[in-house]
């Protein structure tokens, strides 16, 4: 793998990481602060 020895040891002894095919992105996107209507209105008023 080209990993360092300590990194390889940590991955072998730590909790099992899910395989890429099974992994689900658990991150949550920050909600948009302003709606599409507000952004369209902004461009209209700006013009």
ModelCIF file with pLDDT and N, C-alpha, C, O atoms, coordinates in Angstrom:
data_MODEL
#
_entry.id   MODEL 
#
_entity.id                         1 
_entity.type                       polymer 
_entity.pdbx_number_of_molecules   1 
#
_entity_poly.entity_id                      1 
_entity_poly.type                           'polypeptide(L)' 
_entity_poly.nstd_linkage                   no 
_entity_poly.nstd_monomer                   no 
_entity_poly.pdbx_seq_one_letter_code       
;(UNK)(UNK)(UNK)(UNK)(UNK)(UNK)(UNK)(UNK)(UNK)(UNK)(UNK)(UNK)(UNK)(UNK)(UNK)(UNK)
(UNK)(UNK)(UNK)(UNK)(UNK)(UNK)(UNK)(UNK)(UNK)(UNK)(UNK)(UNK)(UNK)(UNK)(UNK)(UNK)
(UNK)(UNK)(UNK)(UNK)(UNK)(UNK)(UNK)(UNK)(UNK)(UNK)(UNK)(UNK)(UNK)(UNK)(UNK)
;
_entity_poly.pdbx_seq_one_letter_code_can   XXXXXXXXXXXXXXXXXXXXXXXXXXXXXXXXXXXXXXXXXXXXXXX 
_entity_poly.pdbx_strand_id                 A 
#
loop_
_entity_poly_seq.entity_id 
_entity_poly_seq.num 
_entity_poly_seq.mon_id 
_entity_poly_seq.hetero 
1 1  UNK n 
1 2  UNK n 
1 3  UNK n 
1 4  UNK n 
1 5  UNK n 
1 6  UNK n 
1 7  UNK n 
1 8  UNK n 
1 9  UNK n 
1 10 UNK n 
1 11 UNK n 
1 12 UNK n 
1 13 UNK n 
1 14 UNK n 
1 15 UNK n 
1 16 UNK n 
1 17 UNK n 
1 18 UNK n 
1 19 UNK n 
1 20 UNK n 
1 21 UNK n 
1 22 UNK n 
1 23 UNK n 
1 24 UNK n 
1 25 UNK n 
1 26 UNK n 
1 27 UNK n 
1 28 UNK n 
1 29 UNK n 
1 30 UNK n 
1 31 UNK n 
1 32 UNK n 
1 33 UNK n 
1 34 UNK n 
1 35 UNK n 
1 36 UNK n 
1 37 UNK n 
1 38 UNK n 
1 39 UNK n 
1 40 UNK n 
1 41 UNK n 
1 42 UNK n 
1 43 UNK n 
1 44 UNK n 
1 45 UNK n 
1 46 UNK n 
1 47 UNK n 
#
_struct_asym.id          A 
_struct_asym.entity_id   1 
#
loop_
_ma_qa_metric.id 
_ma_qa_metric.mode 
_ma_qa_metric.name 
_ma_qa_metric.software_group_id 
_ma_qa_metric.type 
1 global pLDDT . pLDDT 
2 local  pLDDT . pLDDT 
#
_ma_qa_metric_global.metric_id      1 
_ma_qa_metric_global.metric_value   79.19 
_ma_qa_metric_global.model_id       1 
_ma_qa_metric_global.ordinal_id     1 
#
loop_
_ma_qa_metric_local.label_asym_id 
_ma_qa_metric_local.label_comp_id 
_ma_qa_metric_local.label_seq_id 
_ma_qa_metric_local.metric_id 
_ma_qa_metric_local.metric_value 
_ma_qa_metric_local.model_id 
_ma_qa_metric_local.ordinal_id 
A UNK 1  2 84.00 1 1  
A UNK 2  2 84.00 1 2  
A UNK 3  2 86.00 1 3  
A UNK 4  2 87.00 1 4  
A UNK 5  2 89.00 1 5  
A UNK 6  2 90.00 1 6  
A UNK 7  2 88.00 1 7  
A UNK 8  2 87.00 1 8  
A UNK 9  2 89.00 1 9  
A UNK 10 2 88.00 1 10 
A UNK 11 2 86.00 1 11 
A UNK 12 2 87.00 1 12 
A UNK 13 2 87.00 1 13 
A UNK 14 2 82.00 1 14 
A UNK 15 2 78.00 1 15 
A UNK 16 2 76.00 1 16 
A UNK 17 2 73.00 1 17 
A UNK 18 2 71.00 1 18 
A UNK 19 2 66.00 1 19 
A UNK 20 2 62.00 1 20 
A UNK 21 2 61.00 1 21 
A UNK 22 2 61.00 1 22 
A UNK 23 2 59.00 1 23 
A UNK 24 2 57.00 1 24 
A UNK 25 2 58.00 1 25 
A UNK 26 2 61.00 1 26 
A UNK 27 2 62.00 1 27 
A UNK 28 2 62.00 1 28 
A UNK 29 2 60.00 1 29 
A UNK 30 2 66.00 1 30 
A UNK 31 2 68.00 1 31 
A UNK 32 2 72.00 1 32 
A UNK 33 2 79.00 1 33 
A UNK 34 2 88.00 1 34 
A UNK 35 2 89.00 1 35 
A UNK 36 2 89.00 1 36 
A UNK 37 2 91.00 1 37 
A UNK 38 2 91.00 1 38 
A UNK 39 2 90.00 1 39 
A UNK 40 2 90.00 1 40 
A UNK 41 2 92.00 1 41 
A UNK 42 2 92.00 1 42 
A UNK 43 2 88.00 1 43 
A UNK 44 2 89.00 1 44 
A UNK 45 2 91.00 1 45 
A UNK 46 2 90.00 1 46 
A UNK 47 2 86.00 1 47 
#
loop_
_atom_site.group_PDB 
_atom_site.id 
_atom_site.type_symbol 
_atom_site.label_atom_id 
_atom_site.label_alt_id 
_atom_site.label_comp_id 
_atom_site.label_asym_id 
_atom_site.label_entity_id 
_atom_site.label_seq_id 
_atom_site.pdbx_PDB_ins_code 
_atom_site.Cartn_x 
_atom_site.Cartn_y 
_atom_site.Cartn_z 
_atom_site.occupancy 
_atom_site.B_iso_or_equiv 
_atom_site.pdbx_formal_charge 
_atom_site.auth_seq_id 
_atom_site.auth_comp_id 
_atom_site.auth_asym_id 
_atom_site.auth_atom_id 
_atom_site.pdbx_PDB_model_num 
ATOM 1   N N  . UNK A 1 1  ? 0.796   -1.234 0.000   1.00 84.00 ? 1  UNK A N  1 
ATOM 2   C CA . UNK A 1 1  ? 0.000   0.000  0.000   1.00 84.00 ? 1  UNK A CA 1 
ATOM 3   C C  . UNK A 1 1  ? 0.824   1.278  0.000   1.00 84.00 ? 1  UNK A C  1 
ATOM 4   O O  . UNK A 1 1  ? 0.326   2.329  -0.402  1.00 84.00 ? 1  UNK A O  1 
ATOM 5   N N  . UNK A 1 2  ? 2.080   1.207  0.444   1.00 84.00 ? 2  UNK A N  1 
ATOM 6   C CA . UNK A 1 2  ? 2.874   2.420  0.543   1.00 84.00 ? 2  UNK A CA 1 
ATOM 7   C C  . UNK A 1 2  ? 2.613   3.213  1.804   1.00 84.00 ? 2  UNK A C  1 
ATOM 8   O O  . UNK A 1 2  ? 3.135   4.318  1.950   1.00 84.00 ? 2  UNK A O  1 
ATOM 9   N N  . UNK A 1 3  ? 1.813   2.677  2.729   1.00 86.00 ? 3  UNK A N  1 
ATOM 10  C CA . UNK A 1 3  ? 1.548   3.379  3.985   1.00 86.00 ? 3  UNK A CA 1 
ATOM 11  C C  . UNK A 1 3  ? 2.738   3.279  4.924   1.00 86.00 ? 3  UNK A C  1 
ATOM 12  O O  . UNK A 1 3  ? 3.596   2.409  4.776   1.00 86.00 ? 3  UNK A O  1 
ATOM 13  N N  . UNK A 1 4  ? 2.772   4.179  5.887   1.00 87.00 ? 4  UNK A N  1 
ATOM 14  C CA . UNK A 1 4  ? 3.764   4.074  6.935   1.00 87.00 ? 4  UNK A CA 1 
ATOM 15  C C  . UNK A 1 4  ? 3.440   2.897  7.847   1.00 87.00 ? 4  UNK A C  1 
ATOM 16  O O  . UNK A 1 4  ? 2.302   2.428  7.887   1.00 87.00 ? 4  UNK A O  1 
ATOM 17  N N  . UNK A 1 5  ? 4.430   2.431  8.567   1.00 89.00 ? 5  UNK A N  1 
ATOM 18  C CA . UNK A 1 5  ? 4.240   1.233  9.394   1.00 89.00 ? 5  UNK A CA 1 
ATOM 19  C C  . UNK A 1 5  ? 3.234   1.481  10.520  1.00 89.00 ? 5  UNK A C  1 
ATOM 20  O O  . UNK A 1 5  ? 2.400   0.624  10.812  1.00 89.00 ? 5  UNK A O  1 
ATOM 21  N N  . UNK A 1 6  ? 3.314   2.642  11.143  1.00 90.00 ? 6  UNK A N  1 
ATOM 22  C CA . UNK A 1 6  ? 2.385   2.927  12.241  1.00 90.00 ? 6  UNK A CA 1 
ATOM 23  C C  . UNK A 1 6  ? 0.960   3.079  11.719  1.00 90.00 ? 6  UNK A C  1 
ATOM 24  O O  . UNK A 1 6  ? 0.012   2.668  12.388  1.00 90.00 ? 6  UNK A O  1 
ATOM 25  N N  . UNK A 1 7  ? 0.793   3.669  10.523  1.00 88.00 ? 7  UNK A N  1 
ATOM 26  C CA . UNK A 1 7  ? -0.544  3.798  9.941   1.00 88.00 ? 7  UNK A CA 1 
ATOM 27  C C  . UNK A 1 7  ? -1.118  2.430  9.601   1.00 88.00 ? 7  UNK A C  1 
ATOM 28  O O  . UNK A 1 7  ? -2.295  2.167  9.850   1.00 88.00 ? 7  UNK A O  1 
ATOM 29  N N  . UNK A 1 8  ? -0.290  1.560  9.033   1.00 87.00 ? 8  UNK A N  1 
ATOM 30  C CA . UNK A 1 8  ? -0.749  0.208  8.705   1.00 87.00 ? 8  UNK A CA 1 
ATOM 31  C C  . UNK A 1 8  ? -1.151  -0.545 9.960   1.00 87.00 ? 8  UNK A C  1 
ATOM 32  O O  . UNK A 1 8  ? -2.165  -1.244 9.956   1.00 87.00 ? 8  UNK A O  1 
ATOM 33  N N  . UNK A 1 9  ? -0.373  -0.418 11.046  1.00 89.00 ? 9  UNK A N  1 
ATOM 34  C CA . UNK A 1 9  ? -0.707  -1.101 12.297  1.00 89.00 ? 9  UNK A CA 1 
ATOM 35  C C  . UNK A 1 9  ? -2.035  -0.582 12.858  1.00 89.00 ? 9  UNK A C  1 
ATOM 36  O O  . UNK A 1 9  ? -2.852  -1.358 13.353  1.00 89.00 ? 9  UNK A O  1 
ATOM 37  N N  . UNK A 1 10 ? -2.239  0.727  12.775  1.00 88.00 ? 10 UNK A N  1 
ATOM 38  C CA . UNK A 1 10 ? -3.484  1.308  13.299  1.00 88.00 ? 10 UNK A CA 1 
ATOM 39  C C  . UNK A 1 10 ? -4.698  0.821  12.512  1.00 88.00 ? 10 UNK A C  1 
ATOM 40  O O  . UNK A 1 10 ? -5.744  0.562  13.108  1.00 88.00 ? 10 UNK A O  1 
ATOM 41  N N  . UNK A 1 11 ? -4.588  0.692  11.209  1.00 86.00 ? 11 UNK A N  1 
ATOM 42  C CA . UNK A 1 11 ? -5.710  0.227  10.401  1.00 86.00 ? 11 UNK A CA 1 
ATOM 43  C C  . UNK A 1 11 ? -5.977  -1.256 10.586  1.00 86.00 ? 11 UNK A C  1 
ATOM 44  O O  . UNK A 1 11 ? -7.112  -1.707 10.434  1.00 86.00 ? 11 UNK A O  1 
ATOM 45  N N  . UNK A 1 12 ? -4.938  -2.019 10.913  1.00 87.00 ? 12 UNK A N  1 
ATOM 46  C CA . UNK A 1 12 ? -5.125  -3.448 11.135  1.00 87.00 ? 12 UNK A CA 1 
ATOM 47  C C  . UNK A 1 12 ? -5.714  -3.759 12.509  1.00 87.00 ? 12 UNK A C  1 
ATOM 48  O O  . UNK A 1 12 ? -6.404  -4.765 12.672  1.00 87.00 ? 12 UNK A O  1 
ATOM 49  N N  . UNK A 1 13 ? -5.454  -2.921 13.475  1.00 87.00 ? 13 UNK A N  1 
ATOM 50  C CA . UNK A 1 13 ? -5.920  -3.183 14.842  1.00 87.00 ? 13 UNK A CA 1 
ATOM 51  C C  . UNK A 1 13 ? -7.154  -2.373 15.224  1.00 87.00 ? 13 UNK A C  1 
ATOM 52  O O  . UNK A 1 13 ? -7.832  -2.712 16.194  1.00 87.00 ? 13 UNK A O  1 
ATOM 53  N N  . UNK A 1 14 ? -7.451  -1.333 14.498  1.00 82.00 ? 14 UNK A N  1 
ATOM 54  C CA . UNK A 1 14 ? -8.598  -0.496 14.830  1.00 82.00 ? 14 UNK A CA 1 
ATOM 55  C C  . UNK A 1 14 ? -9.902  -1.096 14.355  1.00 82.00 ? 14 UNK A C  1 
ATOM 56  O O  . UNK A 1 14 ? -9.961  -2.232 13.885  1.00 82.00 ? 14 UNK A O  1 
ATOM 57  N N  . UNK A 1 15 ? -10.954 -0.288 14.493  1.00 78.00 ? 15 UNK A N  1 
ATOM 58  C CA . UNK A 1 15 ? -12.277 -0.744 14.060  1.00 78.00 ? 15 UNK A CA 1 
ATOM 59  C C  . UNK A 1 15 ? -12.280 -0.948 12.552  1.00 78.00 ? 15 UNK A C  1 
ATOM 60  O O  . UNK A 1 15 ? -11.612 -0.234 11.805  1.00 78.00 ? 15 UNK A O  1 
ATOM 61  N N  . UNK A 1 16 ? -13.043 -1.931 12.131  1.00 76.00 ? 16 UNK A N  1 
ATOM 62  C CA . UNK A 1 16 ? -13.107 -2.243 10.711  1.00 76.00 ? 16 UNK A CA 1 
ATOM 63  C C  . UNK A 1 16 ? -13.800 -1.114 9.958   1.00 76.00 ? 16 UNK A C  1 
ATOM 64  O O  . UNK A 1 16 ? -14.905 -0.697 10.305  1.00 76.00 ? 16 UNK A O  1 
ATOM 65  N N  . UNK A 1 17 ? -13.122 -0.632 8.918   1.00 73.00 ? 17 UNK A N  1 
ATOM 66  C CA . UNK A 1 17 ? -13.696 0.414  8.084   1.00 73.00 ? 17 UNK A CA 1 
ATOM 67  C C  . UNK A 1 17 ? -14.533 -0.215 6.980   1.00 73.00 ? 17 UNK A C  1 
ATOM 68  O O  . UNK A 1 17 ? -14.143 -1.246 6.433   1.00 73.00 ? 17 UNK A O  1 
ATOM 69  N N  . UNK A 1 18 ? -15.674 0.378  6.637   1.00 71.00 ? 18 UNK A N  1 
ATOM 70  C CA . UNK A 1 18 ? -16.509 -0.207 5.582   1.00 71.00 ? 18 UNK A CA 1 
ATOM 71  C C  . UNK A 1 18 ? -15.795 -0.172 4.243   1.00 71.00 ? 18 UNK A C  1 
ATOM 72  O O  . UNK A 1 18 ? -15.030 0.751  3.963   1.00 71.00 ? 18 UNK A O  1 
ATOM 73  N N  . UNK A 1 19 ? -16.046 -1.179 3.418   1.00 66.00 ? 19 UNK A N  1 
ATOM 74  C CA . UNK A 1 19 ? -15.504 -1.165 2.073   1.00 66.00 ? 19 UNK A CA 1 
ATOM 75  C C  . UNK A 1 19 ? -16.117 -0.012 1.292   1.00 66.00 ? 19 UNK A C  1 
ATOM 76  O O  . UNK A 1 19 ? -17.249 0.386  1.566   1.00 66.00 ? 19 UNK A O  1 
ATOM 77  N N  . UNK A 1 20 ? -15.378 0.534  0.312   1.00 62.00 ? 20 UNK A N  1 
ATOM 78  C CA . UNK A 1 20 ? -15.899 1.681  -0.437  1.00 62.00 ? 20 UNK A CA 1 
ATOM 79  C C  . UNK A 1 20 ? -17.264 1.429  -1.052  1.00 62.00 ? 20 UNK A C  1 
ATOM 80  O O  . UNK A 1 20 ? -18.097 2.334  -1.095  1.00 62.00 ? 20 UNK A O  1 
ATOM 81  N N  . UNK A 1 21 ? -17.510 0.207  -1.533  1.00 61.00 ? 21 UNK A N  1 
ATOM 82  C CA . UNK A 1 21 ? -18.797 -0.094 -2.165  1.00 61.00 ? 21 UNK A CA 1 
ATOM 83  C C  . UNK A 1 21 ? -19.940 -0.077 -1.162  1.00 61.00 ? 21 UNK A C  1 
ATOM 84  O O  . UNK A 1 21 ? -21.092 0.154  -1.530  1.00 61.00 ? 21 UNK A O  1 
ATOM 85  N N  . UNK A 1 22 ? -19.625 -0.320 0.097   1.00 61.00 ? 22 UNK A N  1 
ATOM 86  C CA . UNK A 1 22 ? -20.669 -0.379 1.117   1.00 61.00 ? 22 UNK A CA 1 
ATOM 87  C C  . UNK A 1 22 ? -20.798 0.919  1.907   1.00 61.00 ? 22 UNK A C  1 
ATOM 88  O O  . UNK A 1 22 ? -21.722 1.070  2.705   1.00 61.00 ? 22 UNK A O  1 
ATOM 89  N N  . UNK A 1 23 ? -19.892 1.839  1.693   1.00 59.00 ? 23 UNK A N  1 
ATOM 90  C CA . UNK A 1 23 ? -19.867 3.037  2.516   1.00 59.00 ? 23 UNK A CA 1 
ATOM 91  C C  . UNK A 1 23 ? -20.980 3.997  2.119   1.00 59.00 ? 23 UNK A C  1 
ATOM 92  O O  . UNK A 1 23 ? -21.235 4.219  0.936   1.00 59.00 ? 23 UNK A O  1 
ATOM 93  N N  . UNK A 1 24 ? -21.628 4.553  3.109   1.00 57.00 ? 24 UNK A N  1 
ATOM 94  C CA . UNK A 1 24 ? -22.654 5.565  2.908   1.00 57.00 ? 24 UNK A CA 1 
ATOM 95  C C  . UNK A 1 24 ? -22.137 6.872  3.496   1.00 57.00 ? 24 UNK A C  1 
ATOM 96  O O  . UNK A 1 24 ? -21.722 6.926  4.654   1.00 57.00 ? 24 UNK A O  1 
ATOM 97  N N  . UNK A 1 25 ? -22.169 7.914  2.691   1.00 58.00 ? 25 UNK A N  1 
ATOM 98  C CA . UNK A 1 25 ? -21.687 9.225  3.158   1.00 58.00 ? 25 UNK A CA 1 
ATOM 99  C C  . UNK A 1 25 ? -22.654 9.751  4.215   1.00 58.00 ? 25 UNK A C  1 
ATOM 100 O O  . UNK A 1 25 ? -23.797 10.101 3.923   1.00 58.00 ? 25 UNK A O  1 
ATOM 101 N N  . UNK A 1 26 ? -22.163 9.796  5.439   1.00 61.00 ? 26 UNK A N  1 
ATOM 102 C CA . UNK A 1 26 ? -23.004 10.236 6.541   1.00 61.00 ? 26 UNK A CA 1 
ATOM 103 C C  . UNK A 1 26 ? -22.977 11.731 6.781   1.00 61.00 ? 26 UNK A C  1 
ATOM 104 O O  . UNK A 1 26 ? -23.637 12.235 7.690   1.00 61.00 ? 26 UNK A O  1 
ATOM 105 N N  . UNK A 1 27 ? -22.207 12.444 5.959   1.00 62.00 ? 27 UNK A N  1 
ATOM 106 C CA . UNK A 1 27 ? -22.144 13.888 6.160   1.00 62.00 ? 27 UNK A CA 1 
ATOM 107 C C  . UNK A 1 27 ? -23.469 14.544 5.786   1.00 62.00 ? 27 UNK A C  1 
ATOM 108 O O  . UNK A 1 27 ? -24.156 14.092 4.870   1.00 62.00 ? 27 UNK A O  1 
ATOM 109 N N  . UNK A 1 28 ? -23.813 15.580 6.477   1.00 62.00 ? 28 UNK A N  1 
ATOM 110 C CA . UNK A 1 28 ? -25.024 16.335 6.187   1.00 62.00 ? 28 UNK A CA 1 
ATOM 111 C C  . UNK A 1 28 ? -24.630 17.693 5.616   1.00 62.00 ? 28 UNK A C  1 
ATOM 112 O O  . UNK A 1 28 ? -23.793 18.402 6.176   1.00 62.00 ? 28 UNK A O  1 
ATOM 113 N N  . UNK A 1 29 ? -25.238 18.032 4.511   1.00 60.00 ? 29 UNK A N  1 
ATOM 114 C CA . UNK A 1 29 ? -24.946 19.314 3.900   1.00 60.00 ? 29 UNK A CA 1 
ATOM 115 C C  . UNK A 1 29 ? -25.587 20.437 4.708   1.00 60.00 ? 29 UNK A C  1 
ATOM 116 O O  . UNK A 1 29 ? -26.702 20.303 5.211   1.00 60.00 ? 29 UNK A O  1 
ATOM 117 N N  . UNK A 1 30 ? -24.860 21.542 4.820   1.00 66.00 ? 30 UNK A N  1 
ATOM 118 C CA . UNK A 1 30 ? -25.417 22.695 5.503   1.00 66.00 ? 30 UNK A CA 1 
ATOM 119 C C  . UNK A 1 30 ? -26.618 23.215 4.718   1.00 66.00 ? 30 UNK A C  1 
ATOM 120 O O  . UNK A 1 30 ? -26.517 23.402 3.506   1.00 66.00 ? 30 UNK A O  1 
ATOM 121 N N  . UNK A 1 31 ? -27.736 23.451 5.368   1.00 68.00 ? 31 UNK A N  1 
ATOM 122 C CA . UNK A 1 31 ? -28.903 23.943 4.637   1.00 68.00 ? 31 UNK A CA 1 
ATOM 123 C C  . UNK A 1 31 ? -28.626 25.298 3.999   1.00 68.00 ? 31 UNK A C  1 
ATOM 124 O O  . UNK A 1 31 ? -27.927 26.135 4.571   1.00 68.00 ? 31 UNK A O  1 
ATOM 125 N N  . UNK A 1 32 ? -29.174 25.503 2.820   1.00 72.00 ? 32 UNK A N  1 
ATOM 126 C CA . UNK A 1 32 ? -28.977 26.759 2.125   1.00 72.00 ? 32 UNK A CA 1 
ATOM 127 C C  . UNK A 1 32 ? -29.666 27.874 2.887   1.00 72.00 ? 32 UNK A C  1 
ATOM 128 O O  . UNK A 1 32 ? -30.802 27.731 3.339   1.00 72.00 ? 32 UNK A O  1 
ATOM 129 N N  . UNK A 1 33 ? -28.966 28.975 3.020   1.00 79.00 ? 33 UNK A N  1 
ATOM 130 C CA . UNK A 1 33 ? -29.519 30.079 3.788   1.00 79.00 ? 33 UNK A CA 1 
ATOM 131 C C  . UNK A 1 33 ? -30.622 30.816 3.059   1.00 79.00 ? 33 UNK A C  1 
ATOM 132 O O  . UNK A 1 33 ? -31.495 31.407 3.695   1.00 79.00 ? 33 UNK A O  1 
ATOM 133 N N  . UNK A 1 34 ? -30.600 30.792 1.703   1.00 88.00 ? 34 UNK A N  1 
ATOM 134 C CA . UNK A 1 34 ? -31.572 31.555 0.942   1.00 88.00 ? 34 UNK A CA 1 
ATOM 135 C C  . UNK A 1 34 ? -32.103 30.707 -0.203  1.00 88.00 ? 34 UNK A C  1 
ATOM 136 O O  . UNK A 1 34 ? -31.365 29.934 -0.814  1.00 88.00 ? 34 UNK A O  1 
ATOM 137 N N  . UNK A 1 35 ? -33.367 30.858 -0.481  1.00 89.00 ? 35 UNK A N  1 
ATOM 138 C CA . UNK A 1 35 ? -34.043 30.037 -1.486  1.00 89.00 ? 35 UNK A CA 1 
ATOM 139 C C  . UNK A 1 35 ? -33.658 30.465 -2.899  1.00 89.00 ? 35 UNK A C  1 
ATOM 140 O O  . UNK A 1 35 ? -33.058 31.517 -3.120  1.00 89.00 ? 35 UNK A O  1 
ATOM 141 N N  . UNK A 1 36 ? -34.036 29.594 -3.854  1.00 89.00 ? 36 UNK A N  1 
ATOM 142 C CA . UNK A 1 36 ? -33.810 29.935 -5.262  1.00 89.00 ? 36 UNK A CA 1 
ATOM 143 C C  . UNK A 1 36 ? -34.601 31.172 -5.656  1.00 89.00 ? 36 UNK A C  1 
ATOM 144 O O  . UNK A 1 36 ? -34.131 31.978 -6.459  1.00 89.00 ? 36 UNK A O  1 
ATOM 145 N N  . UNK A 1 37 ? -35.793 31.328 -5.102  1.00 91.00 ? 37 UNK A N  1 
ATOM 146 C CA . UNK A 1 37 ? -36.592 32.514 -5.399  1.00 91.00 ? 37 UNK A CA 1 
ATOM 147 C C  . UNK A 1 37 ? -35.890 33.784 -4.924  1.00 91.00 ? 37 UNK A C  1 
ATOM 148 O O  . UNK A 1 37 ? -35.899 34.804 -5.612  1.00 91.00 ? 37 UNK A O  1 
ATOM 149 N N  . UNK A 1 38 ? -35.280 33.709 -3.737  1.00 91.00 ? 38 UNK A N  1 
ATOM 150 C CA . UNK A 1 38 ? -34.581 34.883 -3.212  1.00 91.00 ? 38 UNK A CA 1 
ATOM 151 C C  . UNK A 1 38 ? -33.386 35.240 -4.086  1.00 91.00 ? 38 UNK A C  1 
ATOM 152 O O  . UNK A 1 38 ? -33.103 36.419 -4.300  1.00 91.00 ? 38 UNK A O  1 
ATOM 153 N N  . UNK A 1 39 ? -32.688 34.238 -4.589  1.00 90.00 ? 39 UNK A N  1 
ATOM 154 C CA . UNK A 1 39 ? -31.529 34.505 -5.444  1.00 90.00 ? 39 UNK A CA 1 
ATOM 155 C C  . UNK A 1 39 ? -31.961 35.067 -6.793  1.00 90.00 ? 39 UNK A C  1 
ATOM 156 O O  . UNK A 1 39 ? -31.300 35.945 -7.346  1.00 90.00 ? 39 UNK A O  1 
ATOM 157 N N  . UNK A 1 40 ? -33.085 34.551 -7.326  1.00 90.00 ? 40 UNK A N  1 
ATOM 158 C CA . UNK A 1 40 ? -33.608 35.104 -8.576  1.00 90.00 ? 40 UNK A CA 1 
ATOM 159 C C  . UNK A 1 40 ? -34.070 36.544 -8.376  1.00 90.00 ? 40 UNK A C  1 
ATOM 160 O O  . UNK A 1 40 ? -33.850 37.399 -9.234  1.00 90.00 ? 40 UNK A O  1 
ATOM 161 N N  . UNK A 1 41 ? -34.707 36.804 -7.247  1.00 92.00 ? 41 UNK A N  1 
ATOM 162 C CA . UNK A 1 41 ? -35.147 38.167 -6.941  1.00 92.00 ? 41 UNK A CA 1 
ATOM 163 C C  . UNK A 1 41 ? -33.951 39.102 -6.794  1.00 92.00 ? 41 UNK A C  1 
ATOM 164 O O  . UNK A 1 41 ? -34.002 40.253 -7.226  1.00 92.00 ? 41 UNK A O  1 
ATOM 165 N N  . UNK A 1 42 ? -32.883 38.609 -6.189  1.00 92.00 ? 42 UNK A N  1 
ATOM 166 C CA . UNK A 1 42 ? -31.672 39.414 -6.032  1.00 92.00 ? 42 UNK A CA 1 
ATOM 167 C C  . UNK A 1 42 ? -31.137 39.857 -7.387  1.00 92.00 ? 42 UNK A C  1 
ATOM 168 O O  . UNK A 1 42 ? -30.823 41.033 -7.571  1.00 92.00 ? 42 UNK A O  1 
ATOM 169 N N  . UNK A 1 43 ? -31.029 38.938 -8.334  1.00 88.00 ? 43 UNK A N  1 
ATOM 170 C CA . UNK A 1 43 ? -30.505 39.299 -9.655  1.00 88.00 ? 43 UNK A CA 1 
ATOM 171 C C  . UNK A 1 43 ? -31.439 40.270 -10.368 1.00 88.00 ? 43 UNK A C  1 
ATOM 172 O O  . UNK A 1 43 ? -30.986 41.174 -11.070 1.00 88.00 ? 43 UNK A O  1 
ATOM 173 N N  . UNK A 1 44 ? -32.746 40.082 -10.185 1.00 89.00 ? 44 UNK A N  1 
ATOM 174 C CA . UNK A 1 44 ? -33.716 40.974 -10.809 1.00 89.00 ? 44 UNK A CA 1 
ATOM 175 C C  . UNK A 1 44 ? -33.591 42.390 -10.244 1.00 89.00 ? 44 UNK A C  1 
ATOM 176 O O  . UNK A 1 44 ? -33.540 43.360 -11.001 1.00 89.00 ? 44 UNK A O  1 
ATOM 177 N N  . UNK A 1 45 ? -33.542 42.508 -8.934  1.00 91.00 ? 45 UNK A N  1 
ATOM 178 C CA . UNK A 1 45 ? -33.428 43.824 -8.295  1.00 91.00 ? 45 UNK A CA 1 
ATOM 179 C C  . UNK A 1 45 ? -32.079 44.458 -8.603  1.00 91.00 ? 45 UNK A C  1 
ATOM 180 O O  . UNK A 1 45 ? -31.993 45.665 -8.829  1.00 91.00 ? 45 UNK A O  1 
ATOM 181 N N  . UNK A 1 46 ? -31.029 43.649 -8.611  1.00 90.00 ? 46 UNK A N  1 
ATOM 182 C CA . UNK A 1 46 ? -29.681 44.145 -8.932  1.00 90.00 ? 46 UNK A CA 1 
ATOM 183 C C  . UNK A 1 46 ? -29.647 44.777 -10.316 1.00 90.00 ? 46 UNK A C  1 
ATOM 184 O O  . UNK A 1 46 ? -29.044 45.835 -10.501 1.00 90.00 ? 46 UNK A O  1 
ATOM 185 N N  . UNK A 1 47 ? -30.293 44.135 -11.294 1.00 86.00 ? 47 UNK A N  1 
ATOM 186 C CA . UNK A 1 47 ? -30.329 44.691 -12.652 1.00 86.00 ? 47 UNK A CA 1 
ATOM 187 C C  . UNK A 1 47 ? -31.110 45.997 -12.682 1.00 86.00 ? 47 UNK A C  1 
ATOM 188 O O  . UNK A 1 47 ? -31.246 46.611 -13.740 1.00 86.00 ? 47 UNK A O  1 
#
